[in-house]
Amino acid sequence: MQLTFHRLPIWILLTCLVALSAATSRAQARDANASGWLGVMVGGSRDSGEEAPEGVHLTRIIADGPAARAKLRARDRILAVDGEPVSSSGELIRRIKDLHPGAWVRLTVRRGHGDDDDEREVNLRLGERPARRKGFKVRHGWVGLQAIDLPPALREHFGATAEAGAMISFVETGSPAEAAGFALGDVVYEVDGRPVKSAAALAEFVEGGGVGNSAEFVIARYGASMELEALIEELPQAEPR
C-alpha cells in the first residue's frame, strides 16, 4: 500500500515553530530564575546575653525538605558551604540561592552545645525554592510535658530559684519525659543552660530543641536541685476524630 504525505500549509508550520520557541523560552526562563533551597529557618543565638556562637543557627527544619532528609536538626549551626565559611543568615541564604535546584552541597555543621558539641560534614542535594512560603510543615520538638506558670509566692515554697516559673502539670504516659523521670510538681528553671521563666518559654525551648537531640533540664523537687535528660521527639500528629 502506498502512503501519500500531504504538505502542511506554511502558516501552520510557522505557527508551530513560534509556539515551540515560546515554550522553550519560558522553560529556560524558569530554569534561570530557579534557585536552591535548604528547607530551614535560620536565626541568631537564642542564648540571651551571651555572645552569638560561630556559624548560622538553624531554628526550625521544614518537614520533608532537603535538610530534613539529610537529618539536620534545629539548633545545628552551619559553619561553611562547600568549604567557604558563612557567618550570617543573609550570607547563607544568598549562597544557597545562587545554586541551582538539584545541586549537591557540602555543609560543615556543628551540633551540640558546650563541651558536647561536634563538627561534621553533611552532603545534601538542594531542592527548588518554593514560590510561596505558606503551608510549610515545620518539625516541632516534643517530650510529653505540660507546665503552668509558677507564681512568685510559690517559688520558694517549691524550692525553686527566683528565676523559675514553670511547674510540671502533666507528664504523658510513655513519653520521653516519663522515661527521663519527670514528675508532677517538678519546677523547671533551666534547659540546656538557658533560664526558664515561664511555661511558654519552656514550651518554646522544647519545640525548637531539635528533633533527635537530647535536652538537659535542671529542676527543683522537694527543695532539692536535680538534672534530668530527655530525648526530643517529633510532635505527634493529632488523630482524626
C-alpha atoms as a PDB file:
ATOM      1  CA  MET A   1       0.000   0.000   0.000  1.00  0.00           C
ATOM      2  CA  GLN A   2       1.412   3.379  -0.943  1.00  0.00           C
ATOM      3  CA  LEU A   3       1.273   6.190   1.648  1.00  0.00           C
ATOM      4  CA  THR A   4       0.837   9.724   0.445  1.00  0.00           C
ATOM      5  CA  PHE A   5       2.053  12.667   2.547  1.00  0.00           C
ATOM      6  CA  HIS A   6       0.356  15.979   2.083  1.00  0.00           C
ATOM      7  CA  ARG A   7       2.291  19.146   2.596  1.00  0.00           C
ATOM      8  CA  LEU A   8       1.135  21.295   5.504  1.00  0.00           C
ATOM      9  CA  PRO A   9       0.373  24.907   4.702  1.00  0.00           C
ATOM     10  CA  ILE A  10       3.294  27.173   5.513  1.00  0.00           C
ATOM     11  CA  TRP A  11       1.264  29.227   8.010  1.00  0.00           C
ATOM     12  CA  ILE A  12       0.647  26.110  10.144  1.00  0.00           C
ATOM     13  CA  LEU A  13       4.352  25.268  10.199  1.00  0.00           C
ATOM     14  CA  LEU A  14       5.227  28.826  11.192  1.00  0.00           C
ATOM     15  CA  THR A  15       2.618  28.783  13.965  1.00  0.00           C
ATOM     16  CA  CYS A  16       4.022  25.537  15.366  1.00  0.00           C
ATOM     17  CA  LEU A  17       7.584  26.882  15.262  1.00  0.00           C
ATOM     18  CA  VAL A  18       6.582  30.081  17.075  1.00  0.00           C
ATOM     19  CA  ALA A  19       4.724  28.145  19.768  1.00  0.00           C
ATOM     20  CA  LEU A  20       7.658  25.770  20.248  1.00  0.00           C
ATOM     21  CA  SER A  21      10.094  28.672  20.504  1.00  0.00           C
ATOM     22  CA  ALA A  22       7.912  30.431  23.089  1.00  0.00           C
ATOM     23  CA  ALA A  23       7.596  27.277  25.207  1.00  0.00           C
ATOM     24  CA  THR A  24      11.360  26.777  25.085  1.00  0.00           C
ATOM     25  CA  SER A  25      11.958  30.373  26.146  1.00  0.00           C
ATOM     26  CA  ARG A  26       9.545  30.042  29.083  1.00  0.00           C
ATOM     27  CA  ALA A  27      11.242  26.849  30.245  1.00  0.00           C
ATOM     28  CA  GLN A  28      14.672  28.472  30.010  1.00  0.00           C
ATOM     29  CA  ALA A  29      13.421  31.499  31.950  1.00  0.00           C
ATOM     30  CA  ARG A  30      12.049  29.240  34.692  1.00  0.00           C
ATOM     31  CA  ASP A  31      15.362  27.402  34.915  1.00  0.00           C
ATOM     32  CA  ALA A  32      17.285  30.680  35.032  1.00  0.00           C
ATOM     33  CA  ASN A  33      15.084  32.018  37.844  1.00  0.00           C
ATOM     34  CA  ALA A  34      15.102  28.788  39.874  1.00  0.00           C
ATOM     35  CA  SER A  35      17.236  28.876  42.991  1.00  0.00           C
ATOM     36  CA  GLY A  36      18.410  26.333  45.538  1.00  0.00           C
ATOM     37  CA  TRP A  37      16.580  25.671  48.791  1.00  0.00           C
ATOM     38  CA  LEU A  38      17.658  24.002  52.043  1.00  0.00           C
ATOM     39  CA  GLY A  39      14.291  23.843  53.785  1.00  0.00           C
ATOM     40  CA  VAL A  40      15.325  25.504  57.041  1.00  0.00           C
ATOM     41  CA  MET A  41      14.556  28.561  59.128  1.00  0.00           C
ATOM     42  CA  VAL A  42      17.589  30.410  60.406  1.00  0.00           C
ATOM     43  CA  GLY A  43      18.354  32.962  63.072  1.00  0.00           C
ATOM     44  CA  GLY A  44      20.878  34.137  65.622  1.00  0.00           C
ATOM     45  CA  SER A  45      21.688  32.727  69.016  1.00  0.00           C
ATOM     46  CA  ARG A  46      18.815  32.143  71.411  1.00  0.00           C
ATOM     47  CA  ASP A  47      21.113  32.462  74.416  1.00  0.00           C
ATOM     48  CA  SER A  48      20.162  35.883  75.717  1.00  0.00           C
ATOM     49  CA  GLY A  49      23.023  37.973  76.959  1.00  0.00           C
ATOM     50  CA  GLU A  50      25.711  35.721  75.529  1.00  0.00           C
ATOM     51  CA  GLU A  51      27.922  36.194  72.510  1.00  0.00           C
ATOM     52  CA  ALA A  52      26.395  34.635  69.385  1.00  0.00           C
ATOM     53  CA  PRO A  53      28.050  31.295  68.592  1.00  0.00           C
ATOM     54  CA  GLU A  54      30.014  30.644  65.438  1.00  0.00           C
ATOM     55  CA  GLY A  55      28.086  29.901  62.241  1.00  0.00           C
ATOM     56  CA  VAL A  56      24.379  30.201  61.371  1.00  0.00           C
ATOM     57  CA  HIS A  57      21.867  28.804  63.835  1.00  0.00           C
ATOM     58  CA  LEU A  58      19.035  26.630  62.440  1.00  0.00           C
ATOM     59  CA  THR A  59      15.869  27.449  64.354  1.00  0.00           C
ATOM     60  CA  ARG A  60      13.429  25.145  62.559  1.00  0.00           C
ATOM     61  CA  ILE A  61      13.558  22.354  59.959  1.00  0.00           C
ATOM     62  CA  ILE A  62      10.891  22.065  57.240  1.00  0.00           C
ATOM     63  CA  ALA A  63       9.412  18.576  57.161  1.00  0.00           C
ATOM     64  CA  ASP A  64      10.275  16.597  54.001  1.00  0.00           C
ATOM     65  CA  GLY A  65      12.709  19.294  52.826  1.00  0.00           C
ATOM     66  CA  PRO A  66      16.338  18.715  51.796  1.00  0.00           C
ATOM     67  CA  ALA A  67      17.655  19.484  55.304  1.00  0.00           C
ATOM     68  CA  ALA A  68      15.184  17.093  56.935  1.00  0.00           C
ATOM     69  CA  ARG A  69      16.153  14.315  54.510  1.00  0.00           C
ATOM     70  CA  ALA A  70      19.821  14.957  55.355  1.00  0.00           C
ATOM     71  CA  LYS A  71      19.000  14.584  59.102  1.00  0.00           C
ATOM     72  CA  LEU A  72      19.816  18.168  60.017  1.00  0.00           C
ATOM     73  CA  ARG A  73      18.281  19.327  63.295  1.00  0.00           C
ATOM     74  CA  ALA A  74      17.097  22.561  64.817  1.00  0.00           C
ATOM     75  CA  ARG A  75      19.926  24.109  66.880  1.00  0.00           C
ATOM     76  CA  ASP A  76      22.539  22.782  64.440  1.00  0.00           C
ATOM     77  CA  ARG A  77      24.906  25.516  63.262  1.00  0.00           C
ATOM     78  CA  ILE A  78      26.101  25.711  59.662  1.00  0.00           C
ATOM     79  CA  LEU A  79      29.721  26.864  59.654  1.00  0.00           C
ATOM     80  CA  ALA A  80      30.565  26.589  55.945  1.00  0.00           C
ATOM     81  CA  VAL A  81      29.112  25.827  52.493  1.00  0.00           C
ATOM     82  CA  ASP A  82      31.445  23.868  50.214  1.00  0.00           C
ATOM     83  CA  GLY A  83      34.345  24.783  52.457  1.00  0.00           C
ATOM     84  CA  GLU A  84      33.622  28.534  52.454  1.00  0.00           C
ATOM     85  CA  PRO A  85      32.698  29.902  55.917  1.00  0.00           C
ATOM     86  CA  VAL A  86      29.320  31.588  56.477  1.00  0.00           C
ATOM     87  CA  SER A  87      28.837  33.975  59.356  1.00  0.00           C
ATOM     88  CA  SER A  88      25.296  35.337  58.970  1.00  0.00           C
ATOM     89  CA  SER A  89      21.816  34.206  57.986  1.00  0.00           C
ATOM     90  CA  GLY A  90      21.795  36.519  54.969  1.00  0.00           C
ATOM     91  CA  GLU A  91      25.103  35.156  53.716  1.00  0.00           C
ATOM     92  CA  LEU A  92      23.904  31.565  53.995  1.00  0.00           C
ATOM     93  CA  ILE A  93      20.656  32.349  52.178  1.00  0.00           C
ATOM     94  CA  ARG A  94      22.482  34.122  49.348  1.00  0.00           C
ATOM     95  CA  ARG A  95      24.970  31.282  48.928  1.00  0.00           C
ATOM     96  CA  ILE A  96      22.204  28.680  48.674  1.00  0.00           C
ATOM     97  CA  LYS A  97      20.010  30.813  46.361  1.00  0.00           C
ATOM     98  CA  ASP A  98      22.934  31.199  43.948  1.00  0.00           C
ATOM     99  CA  LEU A  99      22.978  27.422  43.429  1.00  0.00           C
ATOM    100  CA  HIS A 100      20.616  25.513  41.156  1.00  0.00           C
ATOM    101  CA  PRO A 101      17.981  23.082  42.434  1.00  0.00           C
ATOM    102  CA  GLY A 102      19.401  19.576  42.361  1.00  0.00           C
ATOM    103  CA  ALA A 103      22.941  20.745  43.072  1.00  0.00           C
ATOM    104  CA  TRP A 104      24.898  18.887  45.740  1.00  0.00           C
ATOM    105  CA  VAL A 105      26.437  20.956  48.536  1.00  0.00           C
ATOM    106  CA  ARG A 106      28.776  20.088  51.372  1.00  0.00           C
ATOM    107  CA  LEU A 107      27.823  21.713  54.659  1.00  0.00           C
ATOM    108  CA  THR A 108      30.106  21.929  57.663  1.00  0.00           C
ATOM    109  CA  VAL A 109      27.786  21.563  60.645  1.00  0.00           C
ATOM    110  CA  ARG A 110      28.343  21.886  64.367  1.00  0.00           C
ATOM    111  CA  ARG A 111      25.916  20.026  66.610  1.00  0.00           C
ATOM    112  CA  GLY A 112      25.511  20.132  70.354  1.00  0.00           C
ATOM    113  CA  HIS A 113      26.410  22.745  72.923  1.00  0.00           C
ATOM    114  CA  GLY A 114      29.155  23.327  75.433  1.00  0.00           C
ATOM    115  CA  ASP A 115      31.684  20.538  75.771  1.00  0.00           C
ATOM    116  CA  ASP A 116      29.435  18.066  73.950  1.00  0.00           C
ATOM    117  CA  ASP A 117      29.424  19.739  70.534  1.00  0.00           C
ATOM    118  CA  ASP A 118      30.938  18.062  67.485  1.00  0.00           C
ATOM    119  CA  GLU A 119      31.663  19.089  63.918  1.00  0.00           C
ATOM    120  CA  ARG A 120      30.610  17.047  60.876  1.00  0.00           C
ATOM    121  CA  GLU A 121      30.351  17.227  57.098  1.00  0.00           C
ATOM    122  CA  VAL A 122      26.872  16.803  55.604  1.00  0.00           C
ATOM    123  CA  ASN A 123      26.305  16.327  51.861  1.00  0.00           C
ATOM    124  CA  LEU A 124      22.815  17.100  50.633  1.00  0.00           C
ATOM    125  CA  ARG A 125      21.004  17.784  47.389  1.00  0.00           C
ATOM    126  CA  LEU A 126      19.204  21.124  47.205  1.00  0.00           C
ATOM    127  CA  GLY A 127      15.545  21.437  46.372  1.00  0.00           C
ATOM    128  CA  GLU A 128      13.874  24.245  44.428  1.00  0.00           C
ATOM    129  CA  ARG A 129      12.905  27.316  46.416  1.00  0.00           C
ATOM    130  CA  PRO A 130       9.085  27.424  46.542  1.00  0.00           C
ATOM    131  CA  ALA A 131       7.335  30.454  45.095  1.00  0.00           C
ATOM    132  CA  ARG A 132       5.145  30.663  48.205  1.00  0.00           C
ATOM    133  CA  ARG A 133       6.324  30.260  51.777  1.00  0.00           C
ATOM    134  CA  LYS A 134       2.940  29.465  53.279  1.00  0.00           C
ATOM    135  CA  GLY A 135       1.790  25.965  54.065  1.00  0.00           C
ATOM    136  CA  PHE A 136       5.140  24.562  55.197  1.00  0.00           C
ATOM    137  CA  LYS A 137       5.014  21.872  57.837  1.00  0.00           C
ATOM    138  CA  VAL A 138       7.677  22.581  60.441  1.00  0.00           C
ATOM    139  CA  ARG A 139       9.134  19.865  62.652  1.00  0.00           C
ATOM    140  CA  HIS A 140       8.276  20.655  66.285  1.00  0.00           C
ATOM    141  CA  GLY A 141      10.090  19.063  69.204  1.00  0.00           C
ATOM    142  CA  TRP A 142       8.135  17.209  71.895  1.00  0.00           C
ATOM    143  CA  VAL A 143       8.911  15.424  75.154  1.00  0.00           C
ATOM    144  CA  GLY A 144       5.384  14.941  76.538  1.00  0.00           C
ATOM    145  CA  LEU A 145       5.286  17.686  79.181  1.00  0.00           C
ATOM    146  CA  GLN A 146       2.769  20.346  80.062  1.00  0.00           C
ATOM    147  CA  ALA A 147       3.547  23.144  82.507  1.00  0.00           C
ATOM    148  CA  ILE A 148       1.966  26.142  84.216  1.00  0.00           C
ATOM    149  CA  ASP A 149       3.470  29.420  85.318  1.00  0.00           C
ATOM    150  CA  LEU A 150       4.560  29.315  88.919  1.00  0.00           C
ATOM    151  CA  PRO A 151       3.534  32.403  90.916  1.00  0.00           C
ATOM    152  CA  PRO A 152       6.466  34.126  92.602  1.00  0.00           C
ATOM    153  CA  ALA A 153       4.995  33.476  96.050  1.00  0.00           C
ATOM    154  CA  LEU A 154       5.209  29.720  95.466  1.00  0.00           C
ATOM    155  CA  ARG A 155       8.737  29.587  94.069  1.00  0.00           C
ATOM    156  CA  GLU A 156      10.445  29.494  97.432  1.00  0.00           C
ATOM    157  CA  HIS A 157       7.868  27.006  98.706  1.00  0.00           C
ATOM    158  CA  PHE A 158       8.772  24.578  95.917  1.00  0.00           C
ATOM    159  CA  GLY A 159      12.487  25.122  96.387  1.00  0.00           C
ATOM    160  CA  ALA A 160      12.976  26.886  93.067  1.00  0.00           C
ATOM    161  CA  THR A 161      15.221  29.833  92.323  1.00  0.00           C
ATOM    162  CA  ALA A 162      13.914  33.369  91.924  1.00  0.00           C
ATOM    163  CA  GLU A 163      14.104  32.983  88.130  1.00  0.00           C
ATOM    164  CA  ALA A 164      11.957  29.844  87.976  1.00  0.00           C
ATOM    165  CA  GLY A 165       8.433  29.946  86.714  1.00  0.00           C
ATOM    166  CA  ALA A 166       7.336  26.659  85.091  1.00  0.00           C
ATOM    167  CA  MET A 167       5.823  23.858  87.160  1.00  0.00           C
ATOM    168  CA  ILE A 168       5.068  20.496  85.528  1.00  0.00           C
ATOM    169  CA  SER A 169       1.313  19.887  85.483  1.00  0.00           C
ATOM    170  CA  PHE A 170       1.156  16.812  83.219  1.00  0.00           C
ATOM    171  CA  VAL A 171       3.512  14.048  82.096  1.00  0.00           C
ATOM    172  CA  GLU A 172       2.282  11.906  79.211  1.00  0.00           C
ATOM    173  CA  THR A 173       2.458   8.162  79.702  1.00  0.00           C
ATOM    174  CA  GLY A 174       5.111   6.532  77.511  1.00  0.00           C
ATOM    175  CA  SER A 175       6.692   9.870  76.622  1.00  0.00           C
ATOM    176  CA  PRO A 176      10.381  10.833  76.726  1.00  0.00           C
ATOM    177  CA  ALA A 177       9.577  12.987  79.770  1.00  0.00           C
ATOM    178  CA  GLU A 178       8.247   9.974  81.675  1.00  0.00           C
ATOM    179  CA  ALA A 179      11.304   7.935  80.674  1.00  0.00           C
ATOM    180  CA  ALA A 180      13.536  10.762  81.927  1.00  0.00           C
ATOM    181  CA  GLY A 181      11.863  10.684  85.347  1.00  0.00           C
ATOM    182  CA  PHE A 182       9.761  13.859  85.360  1.00  0.00           C
ATOM    183  CA  ALA A 183       7.027  14.061  87.990  1.00  0.00           C
ATOM    184  CA  LEU A 184       4.069  16.325  88.668  1.00  0.00           C
ATOM    185  CA  GLY A 185       5.095  19.359  90.684  1.00  0.00           C
ATOM    186  CA  ASP A 186       8.671  19.468  89.368  1.00  0.00           C
ATOM    187  CA  VAL A 187       9.769  23.042  88.735  1.00  0.00           C
ATOM    188  CA  VAL A 188      11.905  23.529  85.642  1.00  0.00           C
ATOM    189  CA  TYR A 189      14.195  26.540  85.745  1.00  0.00           C
ATOM    190  CA  GLU A 190      16.830  25.694  83.148  1.00  0.00           C
ATOM    191  CA  VAL A 191      17.000  23.887  79.780  1.00  0.00           C
ATOM    192  CA  ASP A 192      20.429  23.361  78.211  1.00  0.00           C
ATOM    193  CA  GLY A 193      21.810  26.223  80.279  1.00  0.00           C
ATOM    194  CA  ARG A 194      19.022  28.649  79.342  1.00  0.00           C
ATOM    195  CA  PRO A 195      16.840  30.046  82.139  1.00  0.00           C
ATOM    196  CA  VAL A 196      13.143  29.118  82.042  1.00  0.00           C
ATOM    197  CA  LYS A 197      10.992  31.938  83.362  1.00  0.00           C
ATOM    198  CA  SER A 198       7.564  30.775  82.171  1.00  0.00           C
ATOM    199  CA  ALA A 199       5.635  27.822  80.827  1.00  0.00           C
ATOM    200  CA  ALA A 200       5.667  29.480  77.388  1.00  0.00           C
ATOM    201  CA  ALA A 201       9.466  29.709  77.453  1.00  0.00           C
ATOM    202  CA  LEU A 202       9.725  26.026  78.398  1.00  0.00           C
ATOM    203  CA  ALA A 203       7.437  25.069  75.503  1.00  0.00           C
ATOM    204  CA  GLU A 204       9.469  27.194  73.075  1.00  0.00           C
ATOM    205  CA  PHE A 205      12.772  25.618  74.158  1.00  0.00           C
ATOM    206  CA  VAL A 206      11.377  22.107  73.677  1.00  0.00           C
ATOM    207  CA  GLU A 207       9.654  22.828  70.338  1.00  0.00           C
ATOM    208  CA  GLY A 208      12.816  24.374  68.932  1.00  0.00           C
ATOM    209  CA  GLY A 209      15.203  21.985  70.638  1.00  0.00           C
ATOM    210  CA  GLY A 210      15.776  19.870  67.540  1.00  0.00           C
ATOM    211  CA  VAL A 211      14.115  16.521  66.901  1.00  0.00           C
ATOM    212  CA  GLY A 212      16.662  13.839  67.760  1.00  0.00           C
ATOM    213  CA  ASN A 213      18.603  15.987  70.224  1.00  0.00           C
ATOM    214  CA  SER A 214      18.772  15.355  73.946  1.00  0.00           C
ATOM    215  CA  ALA A 215      17.885  18.237  76.266  1.00  0.00           C
ATOM    216  CA  GLU A 216      19.186  18.703  79.790  1.00  0.00           C
ATOM    217  CA  PHE A 217      16.656  20.040  82.298  1.00  0.00           C
ATOM    218  CA  VAL A 218      17.562  21.451  85.690  1.00  0.00           C
ATOM    219  CA  ILE A 219      14.618  21.075  88.058  1.00  0.00           C
ATOM    220  CA  ALA A 220      13.702  21.599  91.686  1.00  0.00           C
ATOM    221  CA  ARG A 221      11.947  18.770  93.521  1.00  0.00           C
ATOM    222  CA  TYR A 222      11.095  18.966  97.227  1.00  0.00           C
ATOM    223  CA  GLY A 223      13.672  21.701  97.658  1.00  0.00           C
ATOM    224  CA  ALA A 224      16.499  19.755  96.002  1.00  0.00           C
ATOM    225  CA  SER A 225      18.065  20.550  92.638  1.00  0.00           C
ATOM    226  CA  MET A 226      18.189  17.731  90.075  1.00  0.00           C
ATOM    227  CA  GLU A 227      19.246  17.248  86.453  1.00  0.00           C
ATOM    228  CA  LEU A 228      17.160  15.208  84.009  1.00  0.00           C
ATOM    229  CA  GLU A 229      17.901  14.414  80.360  1.00  0.00           C
ATOM    230  CA  ALA A 230      15.158  13.730  77.818  1.00  0.00           C
ATOM    231  CA  LEU A 231      15.277  12.841  74.124  1.00  0.00           C
ATOM    232  CA  ILE A 232      13.350  15.309  71.969  1.00  0.00           C
ATOM    233  CA  GLU A 233      10.986  13.547  69.592  1.00  0.00           C
ATOM    234  CA  GLU A 234       8.760  14.989  66.863  1.00  0.00           C
ATOM    235  CA  LEU A 235       5.396  16.296  67.996  1.00  0.00           C
ATOM    236  CA  PRO A 236       2.885  13.502  67.314  1.00  0.00           C
ATOM    237  CA  GLN A 237       0.151  14.186  64.796  1.00  0.00           C
ATOM    238  CA  ALA A 238      -3.323  14.517  66.247  1.00  0.00           C
ATOM    239  CA  GLU A 239      -5.516  11.553  65.355  1.00  0.00           C
ATOM    240  CA  PRO A 240      -8.601  12.433  63.271  1.00  0.00           C
ATOM    241  CA  ARG A 241     -11.862  12.358  65.175  1.00  0.00           C
END
